[in-house]
Amino acid sequence: MPRRRTAPPRQTQAKGARIVSAYLENADVFRTAKGGKPKGPAVLVLRNRKDFVRKDFDRKAADLVRLGQEGKLVKTKPKRRQVEHRDPEKPGTRKLTTVYRDRVIRQLNKGQNYMSNKELVQSLYRGKKPDKYPVTGPGVTLDPDHVHELQLGGEDSYDNLRLMDAWTNREIGREIGQALKDVPEGTPVIVKVIP
């Protein structure tokens, strides 16, 4: 006599399920290694989602794959640099990414550049006002992105920054952090991409 199905079919289970863009291929190794250091690298799998800007995801994924193949990706605690204001009348410090955004805006506003880069400048300005322009989906604004992720051993420097769609950048970073939460610091990481 055939067994009766107790769980709903897979199609109904998956309805409304969140599509994850980053997960660990060998996560079970890190969940079971209590206190001990697991052998081998963590294998991080990246997958494009429909709500990502495709060219930004492809560029980010290609860079992470390359860095993983070069052995430069290691799970670390992110370290952000704070930069002093040039103007002595402004107290405190700013994040390096904020300074980078301001420098790009200043460069694009010089001379005749503004009219030819109007959309880009407006997108960068929207990123400066998150309360007025919240990032709720792709195409809202641009963010400075760390090419070599800080949580994967990247340096917080101008050489490691470039502009990227804010939604795609933040979601990839958040999901990489979630995927690596059980991985001990110092573990090498390899990246695979599913098209």
Protein backbone atom coordinates (compact mmCIF):
# COMPACT_ATOMS: atom_id res chain seq x y z
CA MET A 1 0.00 0.00 0.00
CA PRO A 2 1.48 3.38 -0.98
CA ARG A 3 2.40 5.82 1.77
CA ARG A 4 0.15 8.75 2.22
CA ARG A 5 1.65 12.21 1.73
CA THR A 6 1.74 14.13 5.00
CA ALA A 7 3.51 17.26 3.79
CA PRO A 8 2.13 19.52 1.07
CA PRO A 9 3.72 19.22 -2.38
CA ARG A 10 6.97 21.08 -2.88
CA GLN A 11 5.36 23.70 -5.13
CA THR A 12 2.99 24.85 -2.40
CA GLN A 13 5.76 24.90 0.22
CA ALA A 14 7.84 27.21 -1.95
CA LYS A 15 5.09 29.75 -2.60
CA GLY A 16 6.05 33.05 -1.07
CA ALA A 17 9.43 31.70 -0.01
CA ARG A 18 12.22 34.25 0.02
CA ILE A 19 14.84 33.77 -2.67
CA VAL A 20 18.28 33.89 -1.12
CA SER A 21 21.17 35.24 -3.15
CA ALA A 22 24.00 33.95 -0.91
CA TYR A 23 24.33 30.74 1.06
CA LEU A 24 27.03 28.32 2.20
CA GLU A 25 27.36 25.16 0.17
CA ASN A 26 29.05 23.34 3.07
CA ALA A 27 27.16 24.98 5.97
CA ASP A 28 26.67 21.70 7.85
CA VAL A 29 30.44 21.47 8.42
CA PHE A 30 30.45 24.79 10.26
CA ARG A 31 27.31 24.12 12.30
CA THR A 32 28.69 20.84 13.68
CA ALA A 33 32.26 22.03 14.35
CA LYS A 34 31.74 23.24 17.93
CA GLY A 35 34.90 24.89 19.12
CA GLY A 36 37.06 23.03 16.60
CA LYS A 37 38.31 24.49 13.36
CA PRO A 38 36.75 22.77 10.34
CA LYS A 39 39.01 21.59 7.56
CA GLY A 40 38.88 23.35 4.24
CA PRO A 41 37.42 26.65 3.10
CA ALA A 42 33.85 27.84 3.33
CA VAL A 43 32.16 27.64 -0.07
CA LEU A 44 29.93 30.68 -0.53
CA VAL A 45 27.39 30.37 -3.37
CA LEU A 46 26.03 33.56 -4.95
CA ARG A 47 22.88 33.65 -7.05
CA ASN A 48 21.38 36.58 -8.93
CA ARG A 49 17.88 37.61 -7.89
CA LYS A 50 15.30 39.27 -10.09
CA ASP A 51 15.36 42.41 -7.94
CA PHE A 52 19.13 42.94 -8.43
CA VAL A 53 20.67 45.15 -11.09
CA ARG A 54 22.18 42.43 -13.26
CA LYS A 55 25.37 44.21 -14.36
CA ASP A 56 26.19 45.22 -10.78
CA PHE A 57 25.61 41.68 -9.48
CA ASP A 58 27.72 40.16 -12.28
CA ARG A 59 30.59 42.57 -11.64
CA LYS A 60 30.48 41.99 -7.86
CA ALA A 61 30.26 38.20 -8.25
CA ALA A 62 33.14 38.10 -10.76
CA ASP A 63 35.35 40.12 -8.42
CA LEU A 64 34.56 37.88 -5.44
CA VAL A 65 35.21 34.71 -7.49
CA ARG A 66 38.57 36.14 -8.64
CA LEU A 67 39.56 37.16 -5.10
CA GLY A 68 38.58 33.71 -3.81
CA GLN A 69 40.70 32.00 -6.46
CA GLU A 70 43.62 34.22 -5.47
CA GLY A 71 43.17 33.13 -1.84
CA LYS A 72 42.38 36.66 -0.61
CA LEU A 73 38.92 35.99 0.88
CA VAL A 74 38.97 35.26 4.61
CA LYS A 75 36.07 35.63 7.08
CA THR A 76 36.91 38.63 9.28
CA LYS A 77 35.20 41.22 11.41
CA PRO A 78 34.66 44.35 9.26
CA LYS A 79 36.78 47.37 10.20
CA ARG A 80 35.53 50.74 8.97
CA ARG A 81 37.77 53.80 8.85
CA GLN A 82 36.62 57.17 10.12
CA VAL A 83 37.97 60.26 8.38
CA GLU A 84 38.41 63.68 10.04
CA HIS A 85 36.64 66.67 8.50
CA ARG A 86 38.86 69.01 6.50
CA ASP A 87 36.92 71.95 7.88
CA PRO A 88 37.99 72.49 11.53
CA GLU A 89 34.60 74.05 12.28
CA LYS A 90 32.84 70.73 11.62
CA PRO A 91 33.31 68.44 14.61
CA GLY A 92 33.65 64.67 14.49
CA THR A 93 34.44 62.21 11.76
CA ARG A 94 32.76 60.68 8.71
CA LYS A 95 32.79 57.22 7.18
CA LEU A 96 35.20 56.73 4.31
CA THR A 97 32.31 55.76 2.01
CA THR A 98 30.60 59.11 2.73
CA VAL A 99 33.78 61.01 1.86
CA TYR A 100 34.13 58.95 -1.36
CA ARG A 101 30.52 59.74 -2.37
CA ASP A 102 31.11 63.47 -1.75
CA ARG A 103 34.33 63.44 -3.80
CA VAL A 104 32.60 61.77 -6.74
CA ILE A 105 29.74 64.31 -6.59
CA ARG A 106 32.23 67.18 -6.48
CA GLN A 107 34.16 65.77 -9.45
CA LEU A 108 30.96 65.28 -11.50
CA ASN A 109 29.77 68.83 -10.74
CA LYS A 110 32.92 70.47 -12.11
CA GLY A 111 32.56 72.48 -15.31
CA GLN A 112 30.39 70.98 -18.04
CA ASN A 113 30.26 67.53 -16.42
CA TYR A 114 27.00 68.13 -14.54
CA MET A 115 24.67 68.18 -17.55
CA SER A 116 26.18 65.04 -19.05
CA ASN A 117 26.05 63.20 -15.69
CA LYS A 118 22.84 64.68 -14.29
CA GLU A 119 21.14 61.32 -13.54
CA LEU A 120 24.27 59.95 -11.85
CA VAL A 121 24.69 63.07 -9.67
CA GLN A 122 21.02 63.02 -8.66
CA SER A 123 21.27 59.33 -7.78
CA LEU A 124 24.32 60.03 -5.60
CA TYR A 125 22.54 62.93 -3.86
CA ARG A 126 19.56 60.66 -3.11
CA GLY A 127 21.98 58.33 -1.30
CA LYS A 128 22.97 61.18 1.02
CA LYS A 129 19.37 61.52 2.26
CA PRO A 130 18.19 58.02 3.28
CA ASP A 131 15.26 59.41 5.29
CA LYS A 132 13.91 61.25 2.23
CA TYR A 133 14.86 58.56 -0.33
CA PRO A 134 14.79 55.15 1.41
CA VAL A 135 16.34 52.26 -0.49
CA THR A 136 13.29 50.05 -1.06
CA GLY A 137 14.30 48.48 -4.35
CA PRO A 138 16.75 48.63 -7.23
CA GLY A 139 17.46 51.84 -9.09
CA VAL A 140 16.71 54.28 -6.25
CA THR A 141 20.26 55.39 -5.54
CA LEU A 142 23.92 54.48 -5.77
CA ASP A 143 26.24 53.46 -2.94
CA PRO A 144 30.00 53.25 -2.70
CA ASP A 145 30.66 49.50 -2.72
CA HIS A 146 33.70 47.69 -1.36
CA VAL A 147 35.04 45.56 -4.24
CA HIS A 148 36.73 43.25 -1.71
CA GLU A 149 34.03 42.94 0.98
CA LEU A 150 35.07 44.13 4.44
CA GLN A 151 33.59 40.98 6.00
CA LEU A 152 35.82 38.92 3.71
CA GLY A 153 39.10 40.61 4.64
CA GLY A 154 38.82 43.68 2.42
CA GLU A 155 40.41 47.00 3.29
CA ASP A 156 38.38 50.16 3.88
CA SER A 157 40.25 52.37 1.40
CA TYR A 158 39.47 54.52 -1.63
CA ASP A 159 41.18 51.99 -3.91
CA ASN A 160 38.66 49.35 -2.81
CA LEU A 161 35.55 51.46 -3.56
CA ARG A 162 33.35 51.89 -6.64
CA LEU A 163 29.75 52.91 -7.27
CA MET A 164 27.01 50.28 -7.31
CA ASP A 165 23.22 50.13 -7.09
CA ALA A 166 22.41 50.61 -3.40
CA TRP A 167 19.77 47.86 -3.19
CA THR A 168 21.96 45.24 -4.86
CA ASN A 169 24.97 46.23 -2.76
CA ARG A 170 23.16 46.15 0.59
CA GLU A 171 21.28 42.92 -0.10
CA ILE A 172 24.39 41.03 -1.25
CA GLY A 173 26.34 42.27 1.77
CA ARG A 174 23.54 41.37 4.19
CA GLU A 175 23.08 37.89 2.76
CA ILE A 176 26.82 37.18 2.71
CA GLY A 177 26.90 38.13 6.39
CA GLN A 178 23.96 35.80 7.11
CA ALA A 179 25.54 32.94 5.20
CA LEU A 180 28.85 33.30 7.05
CA LYS A 181 27.45 33.80 10.57
CA ASP A 182 28.45 30.29 11.75
CA VAL A 183 31.86 30.38 10.07
CA PRO A 184 34.75 31.08 12.46
CA GLU A 185 36.94 34.12 11.79
CA GLY A 186 40.07 33.36 9.82
CA THR A 187 38.40 30.71 7.66
CA PRO A 188 39.25 30.99 3.95
CA VAL A 189 36.28 31.51 1.63
CA ILE A 190 35.75 30.38 -1.96
CA VAL A 191 32.93 31.87 -4.03
CA LYS A 192 30.81 30.07 -6.64
CA VAL A 193 28.19 31.75 -8.80
CA ILE A 194 24.95 30.16 -10.00
CA PRO A 195 23.74 31.92 -13.18
